[in-house]
Protein backbone atom coordinates (compact mmCIF):
# COMPACT_ATOMS: atom_id res chain seq x y z
CA MET A 1 0.00 0.00 0.00
CA THR A 2 1.40 3.45 -0.90
CA VAL A 3 1.00 6.30 1.60
CA SER A 4 0.96 9.74 0.00
CA PRO A 5 3.09 12.56 1.44
CA LEU A 6 -0.08 14.61 1.87
CA LYS A 7 -1.61 11.94 4.13
CA LEU A 8 1.56 11.78 6.25
CA LEU A 9 1.61 15.54 6.63
CA ILE A 10 -2.06 15.60 7.65
CA GLU A 11 -1.32 13.02 10.33
CA TRP A 12 1.69 15.05 11.45
CA GLN A 13 -0.48 18.18 11.75
CA ALA A 14 -2.99 16.31 13.89
CA LEU A 15 -0.20 14.93 16.11
CA ASN A 16 1.42 18.34 16.38
CA ALA A 17 -1.83 19.89 17.54
CA PHE A 18 -1.84 17.61 20.59
CA SER A 19 1.94 17.83 21.20
CA PRO A 20 3.10 21.42 20.66
CA GLY A 21 6.43 20.71 22.21
CA ARG A 22 7.35 18.25 19.47
CA SER A 23 6.95 20.70 16.60
CA SER A 24 10.68 21.35 16.57
CA LEU A 25 11.28 17.74 15.49
CA LEU A 26 10.36 18.64 11.94
CA PRO A 27 12.10 21.39 10.00
CA SER A 28 10.26 24.64 9.44
CA PRO A 29 9.65 24.10 5.67
CA VAL A 30 7.25 21.22 6.41
CA PRO A 31 4.17 23.39 7.05
CA SER A 32 4.78 25.22 3.75
CA LEU A 33 5.24 21.87 2.02
CA PHE A 34 1.95 20.75 3.54
CA SER A 35 0.26 23.88 2.18
CA SER A 36 1.69 23.31 -1.29
CA LEU A 37 0.60 19.66 -1.41
CA LEU A 38 -2.84 20.56 -0.10
CA ALA A 39 -3.27 23.29 -2.73
CA GLU A 40 -2.15 20.92 -5.48
CA SER A 41 -4.60 18.26 -4.33
CA LEU A 42 -7.47 20.74 -4.23
CA SER A 43 -6.54 22.01 -7.70
CA ARG A 44 -6.67 18.46 -9.15
CA GLY A 45 -10.02 17.90 -7.51
CA GLU A 46 -11.42 21.04 -9.15
CA GLU A 47 -10.20 19.92 -12.59
CA SER A 48 -11.89 16.52 -12.22
CA SER A 49 -15.15 18.08 -11.06
CA ALA A 50 -15.05 20.53 -13.98
CA GLU A 51 -14.87 17.67 -16.51
CA ALA A 52 -17.74 15.68 -15.04
CA PRO A 53 -20.59 18.08 -16.00
CA GLN A 54 -19.62 17.87 -19.69
CA ALA A 55 -20.87 14.27 -19.87
CA ALA A 56 -23.78 14.96 -17.56
CA LEU A 57 -25.10 17.84 -19.65
CA SER A 58 -25.58 15.64 -22.71
CA GLY A 59 -27.95 13.31 -20.89
CA GLN A 60 -26.47 10.38 -22.82
CA PRO A 61 -23.62 7.96 -22.19
CA PRO A 62 -20.49 8.48 -24.31
CA ALA A 63 -20.91 7.01 -27.78
CA PRO A 64 -18.71 3.97 -28.54
CA ALA A 65 -15.64 4.68 -30.62
CA GLY A 66 -16.38 4.79 -34.32
CA HIS A 67 -20.14 5.18 -33.80
CA ARG A 68 -22.28 8.21 -34.61
CA SER A 69 -25.81 8.28 -33.24
CA ALA A 70 -26.85 11.00 -35.72
CA PRO A 71 -25.60 12.18 -39.13
CA LEU A 72 -23.08 14.98 -39.24
CA GLU A 73 -24.44 18.33 -40.41
CA HIS A 74 -22.88 18.05 -43.87
CA GLU A 75 -24.25 14.49 -44.21
CA ALA A 76 -27.76 15.55 -43.23
CA GLY A 77 -27.70 18.26 -45.88
CA ALA A 78 -26.11 16.12 -48.57
CA ALA A 79 -29.39 15.15 -50.21
CA THR A 80 -30.52 18.78 -50.37
CA ASN A 81 -27.19 19.94 -51.80
CA SER A 82 -27.24 17.17 -54.41
CA SER A 83 -30.78 18.04 -55.47
CA SER A 84 -29.83 21.71 -55.81
CA SER A 85 -26.83 20.80 -57.96
CA ILE A 86 -28.94 18.58 -60.23
CA ASP A 87 -31.47 21.40 -60.67
CA ALA A 88 -28.65 23.74 -61.64
CA PHE A 89 -27.27 21.24 -64.18
CA ILE A 90 -30.75 20.75 -65.64
CA ALA A 91 -31.27 24.49 -65.96
CA ALA A 92 -27.90 24.95 -67.66
CA ALA A 93 -28.47 22.11 -70.15
CA ALA A 94 -32.05 23.22 -70.83
CA GLU A 95 -30.84 26.69 -71.81
CA LYS A 96 -27.86 25.38 -73.76
CA TYR A 97 -29.86 22.95 -75.92
CA ASP A 98 -33.26 24.68 -75.81
CA VAL A 99 -35.09 21.77 -74.17
CA ASP A 100 -37.92 22.20 -71.67
CA PRO A 101 -36.45 21.60 -68.18
CA GLN A 102 -39.67 19.86 -67.16
CA LEU A 103 -39.15 17.31 -69.93
CA ILE A 104 -35.58 16.75 -68.74
CA ARG A 105 -36.77 16.18 -65.18
CA ALA A 106 -39.44 13.74 -66.37
CA VAL A 107 -36.83 11.73 -68.29
CA ILE A 108 -34.44 11.66 -65.34
CA ARG A 109 -37.23 10.64 -62.98
CA HIS A 110 -38.07 7.55 -65.00
CA GLU A 111 -34.53 6.74 -66.08
CA SER A 112 -32.79 6.85 -62.70
CA ASN A 113 -35.12 8.44 -60.15
CA PHE A 114 -32.47 11.18 -59.77
CA ARG A 115 -29.71 8.78 -58.68
CA PRO A 116 -26.36 9.89 -60.15
CA ASP A 117 -24.83 6.45 -59.52
CA ALA A 118 -27.64 4.44 -61.17
CA LYS A 119 -26.54 1.48 -63.30
CA SER A 120 -28.86 -0.71 -65.33
CA PRO A 121 -28.34 -4.43 -66.02
CA ALA A 122 -27.79 -3.47 -69.67
CA GLY A 123 -24.94 -1.13 -68.71
CA ALA A 124 -26.65 2.27 -68.93
CA LEU A 125 -25.14 4.76 -66.49
CA GLY A 126 -26.03 7.81 -64.47
CA LEU A 127 -28.96 10.16 -64.18
CA MET A 128 -30.06 9.93 -67.81
CA GLN A 129 -28.91 6.33 -68.25
CA LEU A 130 -26.43 6.75 -71.08
CA MET A 131 -24.99 3.65 -72.66
CA PRO A 132 -21.17 3.81 -72.77
CA SER A 133 -21.12 3.96 -76.59
CA THR A 134 -23.72 6.76 -76.63
CA ALA A 135 -21.87 8.65 -73.91
CA LYS A 136 -18.66 8.44 -75.91
CA MET A 137 -20.44 9.70 -79.02
CA LEU A 138 -21.78 12.65 -77.03
CA GLY A 139 -18.36 13.53 -75.61
CA VAL A 140 -19.17 12.38 -72.07
CA ASN A 141 -15.98 11.13 -70.41
CA ASN A 142 -17.56 10.17 -67.09
CA PRO A 143 -21.25 9.17 -67.31
CA LEU A 144 -21.46 9.00 -63.52
CA ASP A 145 -20.62 12.69 -63.22
CA PRO A 146 -24.01 14.45 -62.90
CA ALA A 147 -23.00 17.55 -64.87
CA GLN A 148 -21.53 15.56 -67.77
CA ASN A 149 -24.36 13.04 -67.77
CA ILE A 150 -27.11 15.65 -67.89
CA ASP A 151 -25.32 17.70 -70.53
CA GLY A 152 -24.83 14.61 -72.71
CA GLY A 153 -28.34 13.27 -72.13
CA VAL A 154 -30.01 16.58 -72.97
CA LYS A 155 -27.79 16.98 -76.02
CA TYR A 156 -28.98 13.57 -77.22
CA LEU A 157 -32.60 14.44 -76.47
CA ARG A 158 -32.19 17.62 -78.52
CA GLN A 159 -30.84 15.59 -81.45
CA LEU A 160 -33.84 13.26 -81.27
CA LEU A 161 -36.30 16.15 -81.07
CA ASP A 162 -34.70 17.66 -84.18
CA ARG A 163 -34.76 14.31 -85.95
CA TYR A 164 -38.49 13.92 -85.36
CA SER A 165 -39.43 17.56 -85.94
CA GLY A 166 -40.07 18.34 -82.30
CA ASN A 167 -42.35 15.32 -81.74
CA ILE A 168 -41.79 14.59 -78.05
CA THR A 169 -43.50 11.18 -78.19
CA LEU A 170 -41.22 9.90 -80.95
CA ALA A 171 -38.15 11.47 -79.34
CA LEU A 172 -38.90 9.66 -76.08
CA ALA A 173 -39.53 6.39 -77.90
CA ALA A 174 -36.20 6.77 -79.65
CA TYR A 175 -34.49 7.65 -76.37
CA ASN A 176 -35.74 4.37 -74.94
CA ALA A 177 -35.61 1.96 -77.85
CA GLY A 178 -33.20 3.69 -80.21
CA PRO A 179 -34.00 5.78 -83.30
CA GLY A 180 -33.50 2.77 -85.57
CA HIS A 181 -36.59 1.05 -84.17
CA VAL A 182 -38.68 4.22 -84.38
CA ASP A 183 -37.68 4.66 -88.03
CA ARG A 184 -38.34 1.00 -88.80
CA TYR A 185 -41.86 1.04 -87.39
CA GLY A 186 -42.67 4.57 -88.46
CA GLY A 187 -43.64 5.53 -84.91
CA VAL A 188 -43.51 4.18 -81.38
CA PRO A 189 -42.22 0.60 -81.63
CA PRO A 190 -44.64 -2.15 -80.49
CA PHE A 191 -42.53 -2.94 -77.44
CA ALA A 192 -44.41 -3.05 -74.16
CA GLU A 193 -41.48 -1.52 -72.29
CA THR A 194 -41.11 1.37 -74.73
CA ARG A 195 -44.82 2.14 -74.84
CA ALA A 196 -45.06 2.11 -71.04
CA TYR A 197 -41.95 4.29 -70.79
CA VAL A 198 -43.29 6.92 -73.19
CA GLU A 199 -46.63 6.99 -71.38
CA ARG A 200 -45.04 7.40 -67.95
CA VAL A 201 -42.63 10.13 -69.01
CA LEU A 202 -45.32 12.11 -70.82
CA LYS A 203 -47.59 11.85 -67.77
CA SER A 204 -44.85 13.22 -65.50
CA TYR A 205 -44.04 15.94 -67.99
CA ARG A 206 -47.62 17.14 -68.33
CA THR A 207 -48.51 17.10 -64.62
């Protein structure tokens, strides 16, 4: 068992109080040493008590290492920031290629549901689901980059609108099934997927 100097000095003080004649047995610096040790002990006690309320104020136990009970502020706002960026990219591409931004949003909604990292089983990528070969043709280096993907997708939509004299239905059918099929059938191809796609996008666009 270790006995601290402070404890010994406290005992000495008590003994000295009952035996004044023995005070000369200890050198005079002892009382000042006692005072110093006592002050140091009190100071450490104050520091410990000052730290305790920090945990108590939270009303919760400390979180385990590596665990966050709630998202960080920048994480909580990530979805909002991403949505704002996508809106800005849509607006820029709409003005650049003279395409209705509402039509662009309707296409994105049914292509990827506004997920920049969307990938289809067929290999289409990004917000407007560009196939790698189409993306390359449109000058898109990274189809998963929202700005590049929207710019390329709207550029392609503009080309299709021009090809079919502004006919949105045919442009959407070609966007889904490819212009070759639209040309071959002289209209919307008789594919259930393409017909349903055109109907859904037009409904979103008009509402």
